[in-house]
Amino acid sequence: MLASNLNEPGYNTKQANEMKEKEKAEIKRLSDQLDALNHKDTLVIQRGNPELIAQHSKEKEKLAAEIERLKNVRVEKLSTEAQKLSQLPFSREITKKEQADMGALKKSARGLIVVHPMTALGREMGLKVVTGYAQKAF
């Protein structure tokens, strides 16, 4: 869904970011739960109840599996978005001067998508500099 909307006019990067943020928040929430369970390990082992230990281990495995699944979904979405961006006809480095006045640049080049190398998408694409992607030359 995310990548298919990329080529459509009116593609909203805000919606794409919200989707990524939901996954990121869910991963964080599950990681926090897993961390809390890991801190309870010594308490559970001290009690010596085998059923409680088994249940505790089962919960940890379940959380770890769900976190891994969500991370894979996130990476897959980033990969498809990166492929869609790299297929856009025009891309070039955004100069420091243009970065300083990003509003004017985005107004002059409608549909411009700017990717920073330090973001997840930028790392996925292997970018070294801030790069802009668009349907038309800018």
C-alpha atoms as a PDB file:
ATOM      1  CA  MET A   1       0.000   0.000   0.000  1.00  0.00           C
ATOM      2  CA  LEU A   2       2.720   2.444   0.962  1.00  0.00           C
ATOM      3  CA  ALA A   3       4.812   1.991  -2.152  1.00  0.00           C
ATOM      4  CA  SER A   4       1.860   1.867  -4.554  1.00  0.00           C
ATOM      5  CA  ASN A   5       0.761   5.345  -3.460  1.00  0.00           C
ATOM      6  CA  LEU A   6       4.191   6.786  -4.195  1.00  0.00           C
ATOM      7  CA  ASN A   7       3.641   7.385  -7.909  1.00  0.00           C
ATOM      8  CA  GLU A   8       0.152   8.771  -7.494  1.00  0.00           C
ATOM      9  CA  PRO A   9      -0.350  12.526  -7.447  1.00  0.00           C
ATOM     10  CA  GLY A  10      -0.841  13.803  -3.941  1.00  0.00           C
ATOM     11  CA  TYR A  11       1.316  11.088  -2.359  1.00  0.00           C
ATOM     12  CA  ASN A  12       1.380  11.975   1.283  1.00  0.00           C
ATOM     13  CA  THR A  13       4.682  11.302   3.021  1.00  0.00           C
ATOM     14  CA  LYS A  14       2.986  12.170   6.301  1.00  0.00           C
ATOM     15  CA  GLN A  15       0.710   9.104   5.951  1.00  0.00           C
ATOM     16  CA  ALA A  16       3.710   6.921   5.144  1.00  0.00           C
ATOM     17  CA  ASN A  17       5.547   8.200   8.203  1.00  0.00           C
ATOM     18  CA  GLU A  18       2.504   7.581  10.412  1.00  0.00           C
ATOM     19  CA  MET A  19       2.377   3.956   9.259  1.00  0.00           C
ATOM     20  CA  LYS A  20       6.074   3.514  10.014  1.00  0.00           C
ATOM     21  CA  GLU A  21       5.654   5.205  13.389  1.00  0.00           C
ATOM     22  CA  LYS A  22       2.853   2.809  14.372  1.00  0.00           C
ATOM     23  CA  GLU A  23       5.082  -0.177  13.652  1.00  0.00           C
ATOM     24  CA  LYS A  24       7.990   1.457  15.429  1.00  0.00           C
ATOM     25  CA  ALA A  25       5.825   2.196  18.488  1.00  0.00           C
ATOM     26  CA  GLU A  26       4.523  -1.385  18.557  1.00  0.00           C
ATOM     27  CA  ILE A  27       8.070  -2.766  18.345  1.00  0.00           C
ATOM     28  CA  LYS A  28       9.108  -0.459  21.202  1.00  0.00           C
ATOM     29  CA  ARG A  29       6.131  -1.496  23.344  1.00  0.00           C
ATOM     30  CA  LEU A  30       6.850  -5.202  22.818  1.00  0.00           C
ATOM     31  CA  SER A  31      10.568  -4.671  23.460  1.00  0.00           C
ATOM     32  CA  ASP A  32       9.754  -2.941  26.733  1.00  0.00           C
ATOM     33  CA  GLN A  33       7.548  -5.872  27.752  1.00  0.00           C
ATOM     34  CA  LEU A  34      10.330  -8.315  26.857  1.00  0.00           C
ATOM     35  CA  ASP A  35      12.821  -6.246  28.840  1.00  0.00           C
ATOM     36  CA  ALA A  36      10.496  -6.285  31.864  1.00  0.00           C
ATOM     37  CA  LEU A  37      10.210 -10.074  31.597  1.00  0.00           C
ATOM     38  CA  ASN A  38      13.997 -10.391  31.386  1.00  0.00           C
ATOM     39  CA  HIS A  39      14.337  -8.386  34.606  1.00  0.00           C
ATOM     40  CA  LYS A  40      11.892 -10.747  36.329  1.00  0.00           C
ATOM     41  CA  ASP A  41      13.975 -13.794  35.336  1.00  0.00           C
ATOM     42  CA  THR A  42      15.903 -14.035  38.600  1.00  0.00           C
ATOM     43  CA  LEU A  43      12.733 -13.677  40.665  1.00  0.00           C
ATOM     44  CA  VAL A  44      10.976 -16.446  38.743  1.00  0.00           C
ATOM     45  CA  ILE A  45      13.977 -18.778  38.949  1.00  0.00           C
ATOM     46  CA  GLN A  46      14.332 -18.159  42.699  1.00  0.00           C
ATOM     47  CA  ARG A  47      10.756 -19.269  43.270  1.00  0.00           C
ATOM     48  CA  GLY A  48      11.616 -22.588  41.642  1.00  0.00           C
ATOM     49  CA  ASN A  49       8.105 -23.190  40.272  1.00  0.00           C
ATOM     50  CA  PRO A  50       8.641 -25.137  37.002  1.00  0.00           C
ATOM     51  CA  GLU A  51       5.200 -24.186  35.635  1.00  0.00           C
ATOM     52  CA  LEU A  52       5.854 -20.502  36.254  1.00  0.00           C
ATOM     53  CA  ILE A  53       9.312 -20.752  34.675  1.00  0.00           C
ATOM     54  CA  ALA A  54       7.854 -22.509  31.613  1.00  0.00           C
ATOM     55  CA  GLN A  55       5.106 -19.892  31.258  1.00  0.00           C
ATOM     56  CA  HIS A  56       7.658 -17.105  31.644  1.00  0.00           C
ATOM     57  CA  SER A  57       9.902 -18.613  28.950  1.00  0.00           C
ATOM     58  CA  LYS A  58       6.938 -19.147  26.641  1.00  0.00           C
ATOM     59  CA  GLU A  59       5.903 -15.477  26.974  1.00  0.00           C
ATOM     60  CA  LYS A  60       9.454 -14.325  26.238  1.00  0.00           C
ATOM     61  CA  GLU A  61       9.658 -16.502  23.111  1.00  0.00           C
ATOM     62  CA  LYS A  62       6.263 -15.255  21.929  1.00  0.00           C
ATOM     63  CA  LEU A  63       7.273 -11.594  22.375  1.00  0.00           C
ATOM     64  CA  ALA A  64      10.634 -12.146  20.666  1.00  0.00           C
ATOM     65  CA  ALA A  65       8.932 -13.816  17.688  1.00  0.00           C
ATOM     66  CA  GLU A  66       6.405 -10.972  17.344  1.00  0.00           C
ATOM     67  CA  ILE A  67       9.156  -8.338  17.527  1.00  0.00           C
ATOM     68  CA  GLU A  68      11.115 -10.168  14.826  1.00  0.00           C
ATOM     69  CA  ARG A  69       8.015 -10.393  12.618  1.00  0.00           C
ATOM     70  CA  LEU A  70       7.311  -6.652  12.979  1.00  0.00           C
ATOM     71  CA  LYS A  71      10.932  -5.787  12.201  1.00  0.00           C
ATOM     72  CA  ASN A  72      10.771  -7.897   9.038  1.00  0.00           C
ATOM     73  CA  VAL A  73       7.533  -6.169   7.977  1.00  0.00           C
ATOM     74  CA  ARG A  74       9.152  -2.787   8.553  1.00  0.00           C
ATOM     75  CA  VAL A  75      12.261  -3.706   6.532  1.00  0.00           C
ATOM     76  CA  GLU A  76      10.094  -5.070   3.718  1.00  0.00           C
ATOM     77  CA  LYS A  77       8.098  -1.824   3.554  1.00  0.00           C
ATOM     78  CA  LEU A  78      11.294   0.206   3.541  1.00  0.00           C
ATOM     79  CA  SER A  79      12.684  -1.938   0.723  1.00  0.00           C
ATOM     80  CA  THR A  80       9.604  -1.507  -1.446  1.00  0.00           C
ATOM     81  CA  GLU A  81       9.547   2.233  -0.761  1.00  0.00           C
ATOM     82  CA  ALA A  82      13.262   2.464  -1.629  1.00  0.00           C
ATOM     83  CA  GLN A  83      12.657   0.608  -4.899  1.00  0.00           C
ATOM     84  CA  LYS A  84       9.790   2.927  -5.819  1.00  0.00           C
ATOM     85  CA  LEU A  85      11.896   6.003  -5.087  1.00  0.00           C
ATOM     86  CA  SER A  86      14.852   4.747  -7.108  1.00  0.00           C
ATOM     87  CA  GLN A  87      12.505   4.153 -10.069  1.00  0.00           C
ATOM     88  CA  LEU A  88      11.447   7.811 -10.134  1.00  0.00           C
ATOM     89  CA  PRO A  89      12.861   9.490 -13.247  1.00  0.00           C
ATOM     90  CA  PHE A  90      14.820  12.273 -11.511  1.00  0.00           C
ATOM     91  CA  SER A  91      17.024  12.295  -8.452  1.00  0.00           C
ATOM     92  CA  ARG A  92      19.905  14.482  -7.372  1.00  0.00           C
ATOM     93  CA  GLU A  93      21.795  15.678  -4.329  1.00  0.00           C
ATOM     94  CA  ILE A  94      20.162  18.535  -2.445  1.00  0.00           C
ATOM     95  CA  THR A  95      22.745  21.297  -1.886  1.00  0.00           C
ATOM     96  CA  LYS A  96      23.303  22.896   1.528  1.00  0.00           C
ATOM     97  CA  LYS A  97      21.752  26.123   0.252  1.00  0.00           C
ATOM     98  CA  GLU A  98      18.629  24.243  -0.899  1.00  0.00           C
ATOM     99  CA  GLN A  99      18.474  22.385   2.417  1.00  0.00           C
ATOM    100  CA  ALA A 100      18.459  25.724   4.232  1.00  0.00           C
ATOM    101  CA  ASP A 101      15.340  26.809   2.325  1.00  0.00           C
ATOM    102  CA  MET A 102      13.522  23.495   1.947  1.00  0.00           C
ATOM    103  CA  GLY A 103      10.104  25.167   1.757  1.00  0.00           C
ATOM    104  CA  ALA A 104      11.001  27.086  -1.397  1.00  0.00           C
ATOM    105  CA  LEU A 105      12.524  23.970  -2.954  1.00  0.00           C
ATOM    106  CA  LYS A 106       9.411  21.894  -2.293  1.00  0.00           C
ATOM    107  CA  LYS A 107       7.197  24.645  -3.727  1.00  0.00           C
ATOM    108  CA  SER A 108       9.292  24.883  -6.884  1.00  0.00           C
ATOM    109  CA  ALA A 109       9.377  21.102  -7.373  1.00  0.00           C
ATOM    110  CA  ARG A 110       5.937  19.637  -6.747  1.00  0.00           C
ATOM    111  CA  GLY A 111       5.965  16.019  -5.613  1.00  0.00           C
ATOM    112  CA  LEU A 112       9.560  16.218  -4.417  1.00  0.00           C
ATOM    113  CA  ILE A 113      10.501  13.557  -1.882  1.00  0.00           C
ATOM    114  CA  VAL A 114      13.618  14.298   0.152  1.00  0.00           C
ATOM    115  CA  VAL A 115      15.502  11.418   1.780  1.00  0.00           C
ATOM    116  CA  HIS A 116      18.138  12.039   4.442  1.00  0.00           C
ATOM    117  CA  PRO A 117      20.964   9.470   4.688  1.00  0.00           C
ATOM    118  CA  MET A 118      20.534   9.086   8.466  1.00  0.00           C
ATOM    119  CA  THR A 119      16.895   7.968   8.269  1.00  0.00           C
ATOM    120  CA  ALA A 120      15.928   4.308   8.037  1.00  0.00           C
ATOM    121  CA  LEU A 121      14.977   4.768   4.380  1.00  0.00           C
ATOM    122  CA  GLY A 122      18.238   6.577   3.637  1.00  0.00           C
ATOM    123  CA  ARG A 123      20.271   3.792   5.249  1.00  0.00           C
ATOM    124  CA  GLU A 124      18.238   1.190   3.349  1.00  0.00           C
ATOM    125  CA  MET A 125      19.042   2.984   0.079  1.00  0.00           C
ATOM    126  CA  GLY A 126      22.714   3.410   1.005  1.00  0.00           C
ATOM    127  CA  LEU A 127      22.661   7.190   0.603  1.00  0.00           C
ATOM    128  CA  LYS A 128      25.656   9.315   1.581  1.00  0.00           C
ATOM    129  CA  VAL A 129      24.056  12.746   0.991  1.00  0.00           C
ATOM    130  CA  VAL A 130      20.591  14.287   1.258  1.00  0.00           C
ATOM    131  CA  THR A 131      18.881  13.331  -2.001  1.00  0.00           C
ATOM    132  CA  GLY A 132      15.688  14.476  -3.675  1.00  0.00           C
ATOM    133  CA  TYR A 133      13.465  12.306  -5.885  1.00  0.00           C
ATOM    134  CA  ALA A 134      10.754  13.585  -8.216  1.00  0.00           C
ATOM    135  CA  GLN A 135       8.761  12.839 -11.361  1.00  0.00           C
ATOM    136  CA  LYS A 136      10.097  15.966 -13.123  1.00  0.00           C
ATOM    137  CA  ALA A 137      13.505  17.625 -13.173  1.00  0.00           C
ATOM    138  CA  PHE A 138      14.087  20.079 -10.357  1.00  0.00           C
END
